[in-house]
N, C-alpha and C. Protein backbone atom coordinates (compact mmCIF):
# COMPACT_ATOMS: atom_id res chain seq x y z
N MET A 1 -88.71 -7.53 -16.18
CA MET A 1 -87.45 -6.85 -16.32
C MET A 1 -87.46 -5.69 -15.32
N THR A 2 -86.32 -5.51 -14.69
CA THR A 2 -86.24 -4.45 -13.68
C THR A 2 -86.00 -3.11 -14.37
N ILE A 3 -86.24 -2.07 -13.59
CA ILE A 3 -86.07 -0.71 -14.11
C ILE A 3 -84.61 -0.46 -14.49
N ASN A 4 -83.66 -0.97 -13.69
CA ASN A 4 -82.25 -0.77 -13.99
C ASN A 4 -81.86 -1.39 -15.33
N LYS A 5 -82.40 -2.59 -15.63
CA LYS A 5 -82.08 -3.22 -16.91
C LYS A 5 -82.68 -2.44 -18.07
N ARG A 6 -83.90 -1.93 -17.90
CA ARG A 6 -84.53 -1.13 -18.95
C ARG A 6 -83.74 0.15 -19.22
N VAL A 7 -83.30 0.79 -18.17
CA VAL A 7 -82.51 2.02 -18.31
C VAL A 7 -81.18 1.68 -19.02
N SER A 8 -80.54 0.59 -18.63
CA SER A 8 -79.28 0.19 -19.26
C SER A 8 -79.48 -0.11 -20.74
N TYR A 9 -80.53 -0.85 -21.10
CA TYR A 9 -80.80 -1.15 -22.50
C TYR A 9 -81.13 0.13 -23.27
N GLY A 10 -81.86 1.00 -22.65
CA GLY A 10 -82.20 2.28 -23.29
C GLY A 10 -80.96 3.11 -23.56
N LEU A 11 -80.07 3.19 -22.57
CA LEU A 11 -78.83 3.95 -22.76
C LEU A 11 -77.96 3.32 -23.83
N LEU A 12 -77.87 2.00 -23.84
CA LEU A 12 -77.09 1.32 -24.88
C LEU A 12 -77.68 1.55 -26.27
N THR A 13 -79.00 1.56 -26.35
CA THR A 13 -79.66 1.81 -27.64
C THR A 13 -79.37 3.23 -28.13
N VAL A 14 -79.48 4.20 -27.24
CA VAL A 14 -79.20 5.59 -27.60
C VAL A 14 -77.74 5.75 -28.00
N LEU A 15 -76.85 5.15 -27.24
CA LEU A 15 -75.42 5.22 -27.56
C LEU A 15 -75.14 4.56 -28.91
N GLY A 16 -75.73 3.41 -29.16
CA GLY A 16 -75.55 2.72 -30.44
C GLY A 16 -76.07 3.54 -31.61
N LEU A 17 -77.22 4.19 -31.44
CA LEU A 17 -77.75 5.06 -32.49
C LEU A 17 -76.84 6.25 -32.75
N ALA A 18 -76.31 6.85 -31.69
CA ALA A 18 -75.42 8.00 -31.84
C ALA A 18 -74.15 7.60 -32.59
N VAL A 19 -73.57 6.46 -32.23
CA VAL A 19 -72.37 5.99 -32.92
C VAL A 19 -72.69 5.68 -34.38
N GLY A 20 -73.82 5.08 -34.64
CA GLY A 20 -74.23 4.75 -36.00
C GLY A 20 -74.44 6.00 -36.85
N VAL A 21 -75.09 7.02 -36.30
CA VAL A 21 -75.30 8.27 -37.03
C VAL A 21 -73.97 8.96 -37.32
N PHE A 22 -73.09 9.00 -36.31
CA PHE A 22 -71.77 9.61 -36.51
C PHE A 22 -70.99 8.88 -37.61
N GLY A 23 -71.02 7.55 -37.58
CA GLY A 23 -70.33 6.76 -38.59
C GLY A 23 -70.90 7.00 -39.98
N ALA A 24 -72.22 7.08 -40.09
CA ALA A 24 -72.85 7.31 -41.38
C ALA A 24 -72.50 8.70 -41.92
N LEU A 25 -72.48 9.71 -41.07
CA LEU A 25 -72.12 11.06 -41.50
C LEU A 25 -70.66 11.14 -41.94
N THR A 26 -69.79 10.45 -41.21
CA THR A 26 -68.38 10.43 -41.57
C THR A 26 -68.19 9.75 -42.92
N LEU A 27 -68.85 8.64 -43.14
CA LEU A 27 -68.76 7.92 -44.40
C LEU A 27 -69.33 8.77 -45.54
N TYR A 28 -70.45 9.42 -45.31
CA TYR A 28 -71.07 10.29 -46.31
C TYR A 28 -70.10 11.40 -46.71
N ARG A 29 -69.44 12.01 -45.72
CA ARG A 29 -68.51 13.11 -46.01
C ARG A 29 -67.31 12.61 -46.81
N ARG A 30 -66.82 11.41 -46.54
CA ARG A 30 -65.66 10.89 -47.28
C ARG A 30 -66.01 10.62 -48.75
N PHE A 31 -67.28 10.40 -49.07
CA PHE A 31 -67.68 10.16 -50.45
C PHE A 31 -68.18 11.42 -51.15
N THR A 32 -68.56 12.45 -50.40
CA THR A 32 -69.13 13.64 -51.03
C THR A 32 -68.44 14.94 -50.64
N GLY A 33 -67.68 14.93 -49.56
CA GLY A 33 -67.08 16.16 -49.05
C GLY A 33 -65.82 16.55 -49.79
N PRO A 34 -65.36 17.76 -49.52
CA PRO A 34 -64.16 18.25 -50.21
C PRO A 34 -62.89 17.52 -49.77
N VAL A 35 -61.90 17.58 -50.65
CA VAL A 35 -60.57 17.05 -50.38
C VAL A 35 -59.64 18.26 -50.26
N THR A 36 -58.86 18.31 -49.20
CA THR A 36 -57.92 19.41 -49.03
C THR A 36 -56.69 19.14 -49.89
N VAL A 37 -56.32 20.12 -50.70
CA VAL A 37 -55.15 20.00 -51.56
C VAL A 37 -54.14 21.07 -51.14
N ARG A 38 -52.93 20.62 -50.81
CA ARG A 38 -51.84 21.54 -50.46
C ARG A 38 -50.88 21.61 -51.64
N LEU A 39 -50.38 22.80 -51.92
CA LEU A 39 -49.39 22.99 -52.97
C LEU A 39 -48.04 23.26 -52.32
N GLU A 40 -47.02 22.55 -52.78
CA GLU A 40 -45.67 22.71 -52.23
C GLU A 40 -44.67 22.76 -53.37
N THR A 41 -43.47 23.20 -53.03
CA THR A 41 -42.36 23.25 -53.98
C THR A 41 -41.14 22.63 -53.34
N GLN A 42 -40.39 21.90 -54.13
CA GLN A 42 -39.09 21.38 -53.71
C GLN A 42 -38.07 21.89 -54.72
N LEU A 43 -37.15 22.74 -54.26
CA LEU A 43 -36.17 23.37 -55.14
C LEU A 43 -34.79 22.77 -54.97
N ASP A 44 -34.11 22.56 -56.08
CA ASP A 44 -32.69 22.24 -56.05
C ASP A 44 -32.00 23.44 -55.40
N PRO A 45 -31.15 23.23 -54.40
CA PRO A 45 -30.54 24.37 -53.69
C PRO A 45 -29.65 25.24 -54.58
N THR A 46 -29.25 24.74 -55.76
CA THR A 46 -28.42 25.56 -56.65
C THR A 46 -29.23 26.50 -57.53
N LEU A 47 -30.55 26.36 -57.52
CA LEU A 47 -31.39 27.23 -58.35
C LEU A 47 -31.74 28.51 -57.60
N PRO A 48 -31.56 29.67 -58.24
CA PRO A 48 -31.85 30.95 -57.60
C PRO A 48 -33.32 31.35 -57.80
N PHE A 49 -34.23 30.48 -57.38
CA PHE A 49 -35.65 30.70 -57.61
C PHE A 49 -36.38 31.00 -56.30
N GLN A 50 -37.43 31.79 -56.44
CA GLN A 50 -38.44 31.95 -55.39
C GLN A 50 -39.74 31.48 -56.03
N VAL A 51 -40.47 30.63 -55.35
CA VAL A 51 -41.71 30.09 -55.90
C VAL A 51 -42.85 30.38 -54.94
N GLU A 52 -43.91 30.93 -55.50
CA GLU A 52 -45.12 31.21 -54.73
C GLU A 52 -46.25 30.37 -55.31
N MET A 53 -47.02 29.71 -54.45
CA MET A 53 -48.16 28.92 -54.89
C MET A 53 -49.43 29.72 -54.61
N ILE A 54 -50.30 29.83 -55.63
CA ILE A 54 -51.52 30.63 -55.51
C ILE A 54 -52.71 29.76 -55.85
N PRO A 55 -53.54 29.40 -54.89
CA PRO A 55 -53.40 29.51 -53.44
C PRO A 55 -52.53 28.37 -52.91
N PRO A 56 -51.97 28.49 -51.71
CA PRO A 56 -51.13 27.42 -51.18
C PRO A 56 -51.92 26.20 -50.69
N THR A 57 -53.17 26.41 -50.30
CA THR A 57 -54.04 25.32 -49.83
C THR A 57 -55.46 25.62 -50.26
N MET A 58 -56.19 24.58 -50.61
CA MET A 58 -57.60 24.78 -51.00
C MET A 58 -58.40 23.51 -50.73
N ASP A 59 -59.69 23.69 -50.53
CA ASP A 59 -60.62 22.57 -50.42
C ASP A 59 -61.31 22.42 -51.78
N VAL A 60 -61.19 21.22 -52.37
CA VAL A 60 -61.69 20.97 -53.71
C VAL A 60 -62.81 19.93 -53.64
N GLN A 61 -63.92 20.23 -54.27
CA GLN A 61 -65.03 19.29 -54.34
C GLN A 61 -64.67 18.18 -55.33
N PRO A 62 -64.98 16.94 -55.03
CA PRO A 62 -64.70 15.85 -55.98
C PRO A 62 -65.33 16.13 -57.34
N GLY A 63 -64.55 15.93 -58.40
CA GLY A 63 -65.02 16.16 -59.76
C GLY A 63 -64.80 17.57 -60.27
N GLU A 64 -64.49 18.51 -59.40
CA GLU A 64 -64.27 19.91 -59.78
C GLU A 64 -62.89 20.05 -60.44
N VAL A 65 -62.84 20.72 -61.59
CA VAL A 65 -61.57 21.00 -62.26
C VAL A 65 -61.05 22.33 -61.74
N VAL A 66 -59.80 22.33 -61.28
CA VAL A 66 -59.23 23.49 -60.59
C VAL A 66 -57.93 23.92 -61.27
N ASN A 67 -57.73 25.23 -61.35
CA ASN A 67 -56.48 25.81 -61.84
C ASN A 67 -55.78 26.49 -60.67
N VAL A 68 -54.49 26.23 -60.54
CA VAL A 68 -53.67 26.92 -59.55
C VAL A 68 -52.44 27.47 -60.26
N ILE A 69 -51.76 28.39 -59.61
CA ILE A 69 -50.60 29.04 -60.22
C ILE A 69 -49.37 28.80 -59.37
N TYR A 70 -48.29 28.45 -60.05
CA TYR A 70 -46.96 28.46 -59.45
C TYR A 70 -46.26 29.67 -60.06
N ARG A 71 -45.98 30.68 -59.24
CA ARG A 71 -45.27 31.87 -59.71
C ARG A 71 -43.79 31.67 -59.43
N VAL A 72 -43.02 31.56 -60.49
CA VAL A 72 -41.59 31.26 -60.37
C VAL A 72 -40.81 32.53 -60.69
N ARG A 73 -39.95 32.91 -59.77
CA ARG A 73 -39.11 34.09 -59.96
C ARG A 73 -37.65 33.66 -59.96
N ASN A 74 -36.96 34.01 -61.04
CA ASN A 74 -35.52 33.78 -61.15
C ASN A 74 -34.85 35.04 -60.59
N THR A 75 -34.15 34.91 -59.48
CA THR A 75 -33.54 36.07 -58.83
C THR A 75 -32.12 36.35 -59.29
N SER A 76 -31.61 35.55 -60.23
CA SER A 76 -30.24 35.75 -60.68
C SER A 76 -30.19 36.76 -61.84
N ALA A 77 -28.99 37.22 -62.16
CA ALA A 77 -28.80 38.19 -63.23
C ALA A 77 -28.80 37.55 -64.62
N GLY A 78 -28.81 36.23 -64.68
CA GLY A 78 -28.81 35.54 -65.97
C GLY A 78 -29.93 34.54 -66.06
N PRO A 79 -30.28 34.10 -67.27
CA PRO A 79 -31.33 33.09 -67.42
C PRO A 79 -30.90 31.76 -66.81
N GLN A 80 -31.87 31.01 -66.36
CA GLN A 80 -31.61 29.71 -65.73
C GLN A 80 -32.49 28.65 -66.38
N GLN A 81 -31.93 27.47 -66.58
CA GLN A 81 -32.73 26.34 -67.05
C GLN A 81 -33.00 25.42 -65.86
N ALA A 82 -34.22 24.92 -65.82
CA ALA A 82 -34.59 23.99 -64.76
C ALA A 82 -35.55 22.95 -65.33
N GLU A 83 -35.43 21.78 -64.77
CA GLU A 83 -36.32 20.66 -65.12
C GLU A 83 -37.38 20.59 -64.03
N GLY A 84 -38.65 20.56 -64.44
CA GLY A 84 -39.73 20.51 -63.46
C GLY A 84 -40.55 19.24 -63.60
N ARG A 85 -41.10 18.79 -62.49
CA ARG A 85 -42.01 17.65 -62.49
C ARG A 85 -42.96 17.77 -61.30
N VAL A 86 -44.06 17.07 -61.37
CA VAL A 86 -45.06 17.08 -60.30
C VAL A 86 -45.05 15.74 -59.58
N GLU A 87 -45.08 15.80 -58.26
CA GLU A 87 -45.22 14.60 -57.43
C GLU A 87 -46.49 14.73 -56.61
N ILE A 88 -47.14 13.60 -56.36
CA ILE A 88 -48.36 13.56 -55.56
C ILE A 88 -48.07 12.82 -54.27
N ALA A 89 -48.53 13.37 -53.17
CA ALA A 89 -48.38 12.71 -51.86
C ALA A 89 -49.73 12.70 -51.17
N PRO A 90 -50.05 11.67 -50.43
CA PRO A 90 -49.28 10.44 -50.26
C PRO A 90 -49.30 9.62 -51.55
N GLY A 91 -48.31 8.76 -51.68
CA GLY A 91 -48.20 7.93 -52.87
C GLY A 91 -49.43 7.07 -53.13
N SER A 92 -50.12 6.70 -52.07
CA SER A 92 -51.32 5.87 -52.21
C SER A 92 -52.47 6.64 -52.87
N ALA A 93 -52.35 7.96 -52.98
CA ALA A 93 -53.44 8.78 -53.53
C ALA A 93 -53.20 9.18 -54.98
N VAL A 94 -52.20 8.58 -55.64
CA VAL A 94 -51.89 8.96 -57.02
C VAL A 94 -53.11 8.76 -57.92
N ASP A 95 -53.89 7.72 -57.70
CA ASP A 95 -55.07 7.47 -58.52
C ASP A 95 -56.25 8.35 -58.13
N GLN A 96 -56.12 9.10 -57.06
CA GLN A 96 -57.23 9.94 -56.58
C GLN A 96 -57.20 11.34 -57.20
N ILE A 97 -56.10 11.68 -57.86
CA ILE A 97 -55.96 13.01 -58.46
C ILE A 97 -55.50 12.84 -59.90
N ARG A 98 -56.06 13.66 -60.76
CA ARG A 98 -55.66 13.64 -62.17
C ARG A 98 -55.16 15.03 -62.53
N VAL A 99 -53.88 15.13 -62.89
CA VAL A 99 -53.29 16.40 -63.31
C VAL A 99 -53.42 16.46 -64.83
N TYR A 100 -54.17 17.46 -65.31
CA TYR A 100 -54.41 17.60 -66.75
C TYR A 100 -53.33 18.44 -67.44
N LEU A 101 -52.83 19.44 -66.73
CA LEU A 101 -51.89 20.37 -67.33
C LEU A 101 -50.90 20.83 -66.28
N THR A 102 -49.64 20.85 -66.64
CA THR A 102 -48.63 21.47 -65.80
C THR A 102 -47.66 22.19 -66.72
N GLU A 103 -47.77 23.51 -66.76
CA GLU A 103 -46.98 24.32 -67.69
C GLU A 103 -45.50 24.38 -67.33
N CYS A 104 -45.16 24.14 -66.07
CA CYS A 104 -43.75 24.24 -65.71
C CYS A 104 -43.10 22.86 -65.60
N GLY A 105 -43.71 21.85 -66.19
CA GLY A 105 -43.09 20.54 -66.24
C GLY A 105 -42.09 20.46 -67.38
N GLY A 106 -41.13 19.57 -67.29
CA GLY A 106 -40.12 19.43 -68.32
C GLY A 106 -39.06 20.50 -68.19
N LEU A 107 -38.29 20.69 -69.25
CA LEU A 107 -37.19 21.65 -69.25
C LEU A 107 -37.71 23.03 -69.66
N ASN A 108 -37.45 24.04 -68.84
CA ASN A 108 -37.85 25.41 -69.12
C ASN A 108 -36.67 26.35 -68.87
N THR A 109 -36.67 27.45 -69.58
CA THR A 109 -35.71 28.51 -69.33
C THR A 109 -36.44 29.66 -68.66
N TYR A 110 -35.90 30.12 -67.54
CA TYR A 110 -36.50 31.19 -66.76
C TYR A 110 -35.64 32.43 -66.94
N GLY A 111 -36.28 33.52 -67.41
CA GLY A 111 -35.57 34.75 -67.71
C GLY A 111 -34.88 35.36 -66.52
N ALA A 112 -33.84 36.15 -66.82
CA ALA A 112 -33.04 36.81 -65.78
C ALA A 112 -33.89 37.80 -65.00
N ASP A 113 -33.77 37.74 -63.68
CA ASP A 113 -34.42 38.68 -62.77
C ASP A 113 -35.87 38.96 -63.16
N SER A 114 -36.62 37.89 -63.39
CA SER A 114 -38.03 38.06 -63.77
C SER A 114 -38.86 36.93 -63.17
N SER A 115 -40.17 37.11 -63.23
CA SER A 115 -41.07 36.06 -62.75
C SER A 115 -42.08 35.73 -63.83
N ALA A 116 -42.61 34.53 -63.75
CA ALA A 116 -43.62 34.08 -64.70
C ALA A 116 -44.60 33.17 -63.96
N ASP A 117 -45.83 33.17 -64.41
CA ASP A 117 -46.87 32.31 -63.83
C ASP A 117 -47.01 31.05 -64.67
N TYR A 118 -47.05 29.92 -63.99
CA TYR A 118 -47.23 28.61 -64.64
C TYR A 118 -48.44 27.95 -64.01
N TYR A 119 -49.36 27.50 -64.86
CA TYR A 119 -50.61 26.94 -64.39
C TYR A 119 -50.54 25.43 -64.25
N VAL A 120 -51.25 24.94 -63.24
CA VAL A 120 -51.45 23.51 -63.05
C VAL A 120 -52.96 23.31 -62.95
N THR A 121 -53.49 22.42 -63.77
CA THR A 121 -54.93 22.12 -63.78
C THR A 121 -55.11 20.68 -63.34
N PHE A 122 -56.03 20.47 -62.39
CA PHE A 122 -56.22 19.11 -61.87
C PHE A 122 -57.66 18.91 -61.41
N LYS A 123 -57.97 17.64 -61.13
CA LYS A 123 -59.28 17.24 -60.60
C LYS A 123 -59.02 16.15 -59.57
N VAL A 124 -59.80 16.15 -58.50
CA VAL A 124 -59.68 15.11 -57.48
C VAL A 124 -60.93 14.24 -57.45
N GLU A 125 -60.74 13.03 -56.99
CA GLU A 125 -61.82 12.09 -56.76
C GLU A 125 -62.11 12.07 -55.26
N PRO A 126 -63.28 11.61 -54.84
CA PRO A 126 -63.59 11.56 -53.41
C PRO A 126 -62.62 10.66 -52.65
N ALA A 127 -62.48 10.92 -51.36
CA ALA A 127 -61.61 10.11 -50.51
C ALA A 127 -62.11 8.68 -50.45
N GLY A 128 -63.43 8.49 -50.39
CA GLY A 128 -63.99 7.14 -50.31
C GLY A 128 -63.51 6.40 -49.07
N LEU A 129 -63.52 5.10 -49.13
CA LEU A 129 -63.13 4.29 -47.98
C LEU A 129 -61.62 4.30 -47.73
N PHE A 130 -60.83 4.28 -48.81
CA PHE A 130 -59.40 4.08 -48.65
C PHE A 130 -58.55 5.24 -49.15
N GLY A 131 -59.15 6.30 -49.67
CA GLY A 131 -58.39 7.43 -50.19
C GLY A 131 -57.99 8.40 -49.08
N ALA A 132 -57.32 9.46 -49.50
CA ALA A 132 -56.84 10.48 -48.56
C ALA A 132 -57.77 11.68 -48.60
N ASP A 133 -58.00 12.29 -47.44
CA ASP A 133 -58.80 13.50 -47.42
C ASP A 133 -57.93 14.76 -47.50
N THR A 134 -56.60 14.57 -47.53
CA THR A 134 -55.65 15.65 -47.76
C THR A 134 -54.58 15.15 -48.72
N LEU A 135 -54.40 15.87 -49.83
CA LEU A 135 -53.42 15.53 -50.85
C LEU A 135 -52.41 16.66 -50.99
N THR A 136 -51.24 16.35 -51.49
CA THR A 136 -50.22 17.37 -51.75
C THR A 136 -49.76 17.25 -53.20
N ILE A 137 -49.77 18.39 -53.89
CA ILE A 137 -49.15 18.48 -55.21
C ILE A 137 -47.82 19.20 -54.99
N ARG A 138 -46.75 18.49 -55.22
CA ARG A 138 -45.41 19.06 -55.01
C ARG A 138 -44.75 19.25 -56.36
N HIS A 139 -44.37 20.49 -56.66
CA HIS A 139 -43.65 20.76 -57.91
C HIS A 139 -42.17 20.76 -57.59
N VAL A 140 -41.43 19.87 -58.23
CA VAL A 140 -40.01 19.69 -58.00
C VAL A 140 -39.23 20.38 -59.13
N PHE A 141 -38.31 21.26 -58.77
CA PHE A 141 -37.44 21.93 -59.74
C PHE A 141 -36.01 21.49 -59.50
N GLU A 142 -35.36 20.99 -60.58
CA GLU A 142 -33.97 20.56 -60.49
C GLU A 142 -33.17 21.27 -61.57
N GLN A 143 -31.86 21.37 -61.34
CA GLN A 143 -30.98 22.00 -62.32
C GLN A 143 -31.15 21.30 -63.65
N GLY A 144 -31.31 22.10 -64.72
CA GLY A 144 -31.60 21.52 -66.03
C GLY A 144 -30.53 21.70 -67.07
N GLY A 145 -29.30 21.94 -66.68
CA GLY A 145 -28.23 22.12 -67.65
C GLY A 145 -27.69 23.53 -67.61
N ALA A 146 -26.79 23.82 -68.51
CA ALA A 146 -26.16 25.13 -68.55
C ALA A 146 -27.15 26.18 -69.03
N ALA A 147 -27.05 27.36 -68.47
CA ALA A 147 -27.92 28.46 -68.91
C ALA A 147 -27.60 28.82 -70.34
N PRO A 148 -28.60 29.18 -71.15
CA PRO A 148 -28.36 29.49 -72.57
C PRO A 148 -27.59 30.79 -72.70
């Protein structure tokens, strides 16, 4: 075998090992690394609310139970009713996250010119081969009827 062929085989071997190590590390991270969770809000434009997510983004270890806060402020002079629900994005990741508690889900009355904290408790599963490494929890608020 000539020197050029040995050098070529050696370079291919080193390149193959590097690609293999990179692939193994990437796969390991998808099964053990954190999942980025973004918190978002979608408001009915008729609702006089300001919503703050605390924190707005976080890295969550698989299996870790996490509490986040949606701070909802009713900026109107009267109480407002709103219907709340949680959506998960992407839709393919619905089985990757388990929401245990959402205090602002369903029909709620929000006091006049005041704010309140509503907790959401959840846990994520690893991204694995087909899961998402970034998830979004979107809290949707819609008009919930006449104010009391």
